[in-house]
Amino acid sequence: VGGALGGLIGMYCYRHKTKHTSFTVGFPILAALDLLFFFVIS
């Protein structure tokens, strides 16, 4: 749980794949779904 959020933070801290639109749009959506799933389950 929370892996997508950590990946998002790491992506921006190390500027890894930040110029690719699919990553800059897809990762925040994935992080939001991850958090939503966490709150629905708990």
PDB file of N, CA and C in Angstrom:
ATOM      1  N   VAL A   1       0.849  -1.173   0.000  1.00  0.00           N
ATOM      2  CA  VAL A   1       0.000   0.000   0.000  1.00  0.00           C
ATOM      3  C   VAL A   1       0.896   1.239   0.000  1.00  0.00           C
ATOM      4  N   GLY A   2       0.624   2.171  -0.882  1.00  0.00           N
ATOM      5  CA  GLY A   2       1.384   3.413  -0.923  1.00  0.00           C
ATOM      6  C   GLY A   2       2.555   3.384  -1.885  1.00  0.00           C
ATOM      7  N   GLY A   3       2.716   2.297  -2.612  1.00  0.00           N
ATOM      8  CA  GLY A   3       3.840   2.186  -3.542  1.00  0.00           C
ATOM      9  C   GLY A   3       3.780   3.203  -4.672  1.00  0.00           C
ATOM     10  N   ALA A   4       2.589   3.487  -5.135  1.00  0.00           N
ATOM     11  CA  ALA A   4       2.433   4.449  -6.224  1.00  0.00           C
ATOM     12  C   ALA A   4       2.804   5.847  -5.762  1.00  0.00           C
ATOM     13  N   LEU A   5       2.451   6.178  -4.527  1.00  0.00           N
ATOM     14  CA  LEU A   5       2.794   7.501  -4.000  1.00  0.00           C
ATOM     15  C   LEU A   5       4.304   7.643  -3.854  1.00  0.00           C
ATOM     16  N   GLY A   6       4.962   6.614  -3.373  1.00  0.00           N
ATOM     17  CA  GLY A   6       6.422   6.635  -3.265  1.00  0.00           C
ATOM     18  C   GLY A   6       7.091   6.722  -4.627  1.00  0.00           C
ATOM     19  N   GLY A   7       6.531   6.031  -5.599  1.00  0.00           N
ATOM     20  CA  GLY A   7       7.056   6.103  -6.961  1.00  0.00           C
ATOM     21  C   GLY A   7       6.904   7.489  -7.556  1.00  0.00           C
ATOM     22  N   LEU A   8       5.789   8.126  -7.263  1.00  0.00           N
ATOM     23  CA  LEU A   8       5.547   9.487  -7.748  1.00  0.00           C
ATOM     24  C   LEU A   8       6.540  10.467  -7.132  1.00  0.00           C
ATOM     25  N   ILE A   9       6.749  10.353  -5.840  1.00  0.00           N
ATOM     26  CA  ILE A   9       7.707  11.231  -5.155  1.00  0.00           C
ATOM     27  C   ILE A   9       9.112  10.996  -5.690  1.00  0.00           C
ATOM     28  N   GLY A  10       9.484   9.728  -5.840  1.00  0.00           N
ATOM     29  CA  GLY A  10      10.805   9.402  -6.379  1.00  0.00           C
ATOM     30  C   GLY A  10      10.989   9.887  -7.806  1.00  0.00           C
ATOM     31  N   MET A  11       9.933   9.810  -8.595  1.00  0.00           N
ATOM     32  CA  MET A  11      10.013  10.252  -9.992  1.00  0.00           C
ATOM     33  C   MET A  11      10.350  11.737 -10.062  1.00  0.00           C
ATOM     34  N   TYR A  12       9.729  12.529  -9.189  1.00  0.00           N
ATOM     35  CA  TYR A  12       9.991  13.972  -9.228  1.00  0.00           C
ATOM     36  C   TYR A  12      11.282  14.349  -8.501  1.00  0.00           C
ATOM     37  N   CYS A  13      11.648  13.612  -7.471  1.00  0.00           N
ATOM     38  CA  CYS A  13      12.909  13.913  -6.764  1.00  0.00           C
ATOM     39  C   CYS A  13      14.113  13.670  -7.667  1.00  0.00           C
ATOM     40  N   TYR A  14      14.069  12.584  -8.434  1.00  0.00           N
ATOM     41  CA  TYR A  14      15.207  12.226  -9.286  1.00  0.00           C
ATOM     42  C   TYR A  14      14.983  12.594 -10.748  1.00  0.00           C
ATOM     43  N   ARG A  15      13.880  13.271 -11.038  1.00  0.00           N
ATOM     44  CA  ARG A  15      13.524  13.707 -12.398  1.00  0.00           C
ATOM     45  C   ARG A  15      13.573  12.560 -13.393  1.00  0.00           C
ATOM     46  N   HIS A  16      13.035  11.413 -12.967  1.00  0.00           N
ATOM     47  CA  HIS A  16      13.033  10.217 -13.794  1.00  0.00           C
ATOM     48  C   HIS A  16      11.734  10.136 -14.590  1.00  0.00           C
ATOM     49  N   LYS A  17      11.844  10.217 -15.897  1.00  0.00           N
ATOM     50  CA  LYS A  17      10.720  10.123 -16.826  1.00  0.00           C
ATOM     51  C   LYS A  17       9.682  11.222 -16.623  1.00  0.00           C
ATOM     52  N   THR A  18      10.114  12.397 -16.198  1.00  0.00           N
ATOM     53  CA  THR A  18       9.169  13.489 -15.981  1.00  0.00           C
ATOM     54  C   THR A  18       8.802  14.208 -17.279  1.00  0.00           C
ATOM     55  N   LYS A  19       9.490  13.920 -18.372  1.00  0.00           N
ATOM     56  CA  LYS A  19       9.146  14.551 -19.646  1.00  0.00           C
ATOM     57  C   LYS A  19       8.168  13.712 -20.463  1.00  0.00           C
ATOM     58  N   HIS A  20       7.880  12.506 -19.997  1.00  0.00           N
ATOM     59  CA  HIS A  20       6.948  11.627 -20.699  1.00  0.00           C
ATOM     60  C   HIS A  20       5.538  11.868 -20.171  1.00  0.00           C
ATOM     61  N   THR A  21       4.639  12.260 -21.050  1.00  0.00           N
ATOM     62  CA  THR A  21       3.273  12.590 -20.654  1.00  0.00           C
ATOM     63  C   THR A  21       2.564  11.404 -20.019  1.00  0.00           C
ATOM     64  N   SER A  22       2.809  10.206 -20.547  1.00  0.00           N
ATOM     65  CA  SER A  22       2.110   9.042 -20.000  1.00  0.00           C
ATOM     66  C   SER A  22       2.491   8.794 -18.544  1.00  0.00           C
ATOM     67  N   PHE A  23       3.710   9.122 -18.157  1.00  0.00           N
ATOM     68  CA  PHE A  23       4.127   8.938 -16.774  1.00  0.00           C
ATOM     69  C   PHE A  23       3.661  10.089 -15.886  1.00  0.00           C
ATOM     70  N   THR A  24       3.723  11.319 -16.380  1.00  0.00           N
ATOM     71  CA  THR A  24       3.330  12.459 -15.549  1.00  0.00           C
ATOM     72  C   THR A  24       1.820  12.513 -15.333  1.00  0.00           C
ATOM     73  N   VAL A  25       1.043  11.895 -16.223  1.00  0.00           N
ATOM     74  CA  VAL A  25      -0.404  11.840 -16.056  1.00  0.00           C
ATOM     75  C   VAL A  25      -0.823  10.523 -15.399  1.00  0.00           C
ATOM     76  N   GLY A  26      -0.216   9.449 -15.824  1.00  0.00           N
ATOM     77  CA  GLY A  26      -0.605   8.127 -15.342  1.00  0.00           C
ATOM     78  C   GLY A  26      -0.240   7.857 -13.896  1.00  0.00           C
ATOM     79  N   PHE A  27       0.916   8.297 -13.460  1.00  0.00           N
ATOM     80  CA  PHE A  27       1.347   8.013 -12.097  1.00  0.00           C
ATOM     81  C   PHE A  27       0.484   8.706 -11.049  1.00  0.00           C
ATOM     82  N   PRO A  28       0.117   9.986 -11.203  1.00  0.00           N
ATOM     83  CA  PRO A  28      -0.792  10.585 -10.223  1.00  0.00           C
ATOM     84  C   PRO A  28      -2.160   9.891 -10.184  1.00  0.00           C
ATOM     85  N   ILE A  29      -2.650   9.452 -11.330  1.00  0.00           N
ATOM     86  CA  ILE A  29      -3.916   8.719 -11.355  1.00  0.00           C
ATOM     87  C   ILE A  29      -3.758   7.400 -10.605  1.00  0.00           C
ATOM     88  N   LEU A  30      -2.647   6.724 -10.832  1.00  0.00           N
ATOM     89  CA  LEU A  30      -2.376   5.478 -10.135  1.00  0.00           C
ATOM     90  C   LEU A  30      -2.258   5.700  -8.625  1.00  0.00           C
ATOM     91  N   ALA A  31      -1.610   6.772  -8.214  1.00  0.00           N
ATOM     92  CA  ALA A  31      -1.477   7.091  -6.790  1.00  0.00           C
ATOM     93  C   ALA A  31      -2.846   7.382  -6.171  1.00  0.00           C
ATOM     94  N   ALA A  32      -3.693   8.093  -6.892  1.00  0.00           N
ATOM     95  CA  ALA A  32      -5.035   8.395  -6.381  1.00  0.00           C
ATOM     96  C   ALA A  32      -5.870   7.120  -6.256  1.00  0.00           C
ATOM     97  N   LEU A  33      -5.773   6.239  -7.235  1.00  0.00           N
ATOM     98  CA  LEU A  33      -6.495   4.973  -7.159  1.00  0.00           C
ATOM     99  C   LEU A  33      -5.968   4.111  -6.013  1.00  0.00           C
ATOM    100  N   ASP A  34      -4.667   4.151  -5.797  1.00  0.00           N
ATOM    101  CA  ASP A  34      -4.055   3.409  -4.702  1.00  0.00           C
ATOM    102  C   ASP A  34      -4.592   3.901  -3.355  1.00  0.00           C
ATOM    103  N   LEU A  35      -4.652   5.208  -3.167  1.00  0.00           N
ATOM    104  CA  LEU A  35      -5.186   5.765  -1.926  1.00  0.00           C
ATOM    105  C   LEU A  35      -6.676   5.476  -1.771  1.00  0.00           C
ATOM    106  N   LEU A  36      -7.425   5.590  -2.847  1.00  0.00           N
ATOM    107  CA  LEU A  36      -8.852   5.292  -2.822  1.00  0.00           C
ATOM    108  C   LEU A  36      -9.086   3.832  -2.441  1.00  0.00           C
ATOM    109  N   PHE A  37      -8.328   2.943  -3.030  1.00  0.00           N
ATOM    110  CA  PHE A  37      -8.443   1.518  -2.720  1.00  0.00           C
ATOM    111  C   PHE A  37      -8.104   1.255  -1.256  1.00  0.00           C
ATOM    112  N   PHE A  38      -7.097   1.932  -0.747  1.00  0.00           N
ATOM    113  CA  PHE A  38      -6.700   1.765   0.647  1.00  0.00           C
ATOM    114  C   PHE A  38      -7.824   2.197   1.599  1.00  0.00           C
ATOM    115  N   PHE A  39      -8.464   3.328   1.310  1.00  0.00           N
ATOM    116  CA  PHE A  39      -9.521   3.814   2.191  1.00  0.00           C
ATOM    117  C   PHE A  39     -10.809   2.991   2.076  1.00  0.00           C
ATOM    118  N   VAL A  40     -11.074   2.430   0.918  1.00  0.00           N
ATOM    119  CA  VAL A  40     -12.261   1.588   0.734  1.00  0.00           C
ATOM    120  C   VAL A  40     -12.077   0.260   1.478  1.00  0.00           C
ATOM    121  N   ILE A  41     -10.895  -0.293   1.415  1.00  0.00           N
ATOM    122  CA  ILE A  41     -10.607  -1.575   2.070  1.00  0.00           C
ATOM    123  C   ILE A  41     -10.617  -1.428   3.591  1.00  0.00           C
ATOM    124  N   SER A  42     -10.063  -0.335   4.097  1.00  0.00           N
ATOM    125  CA  SER A  42      -9.942  -0.200   5.564  1.00  0.00           C
ATOM    126  C   SER A  42     -11.151   0.365   6.231  1.00  0.00           C
TER     127      SER A  42
END
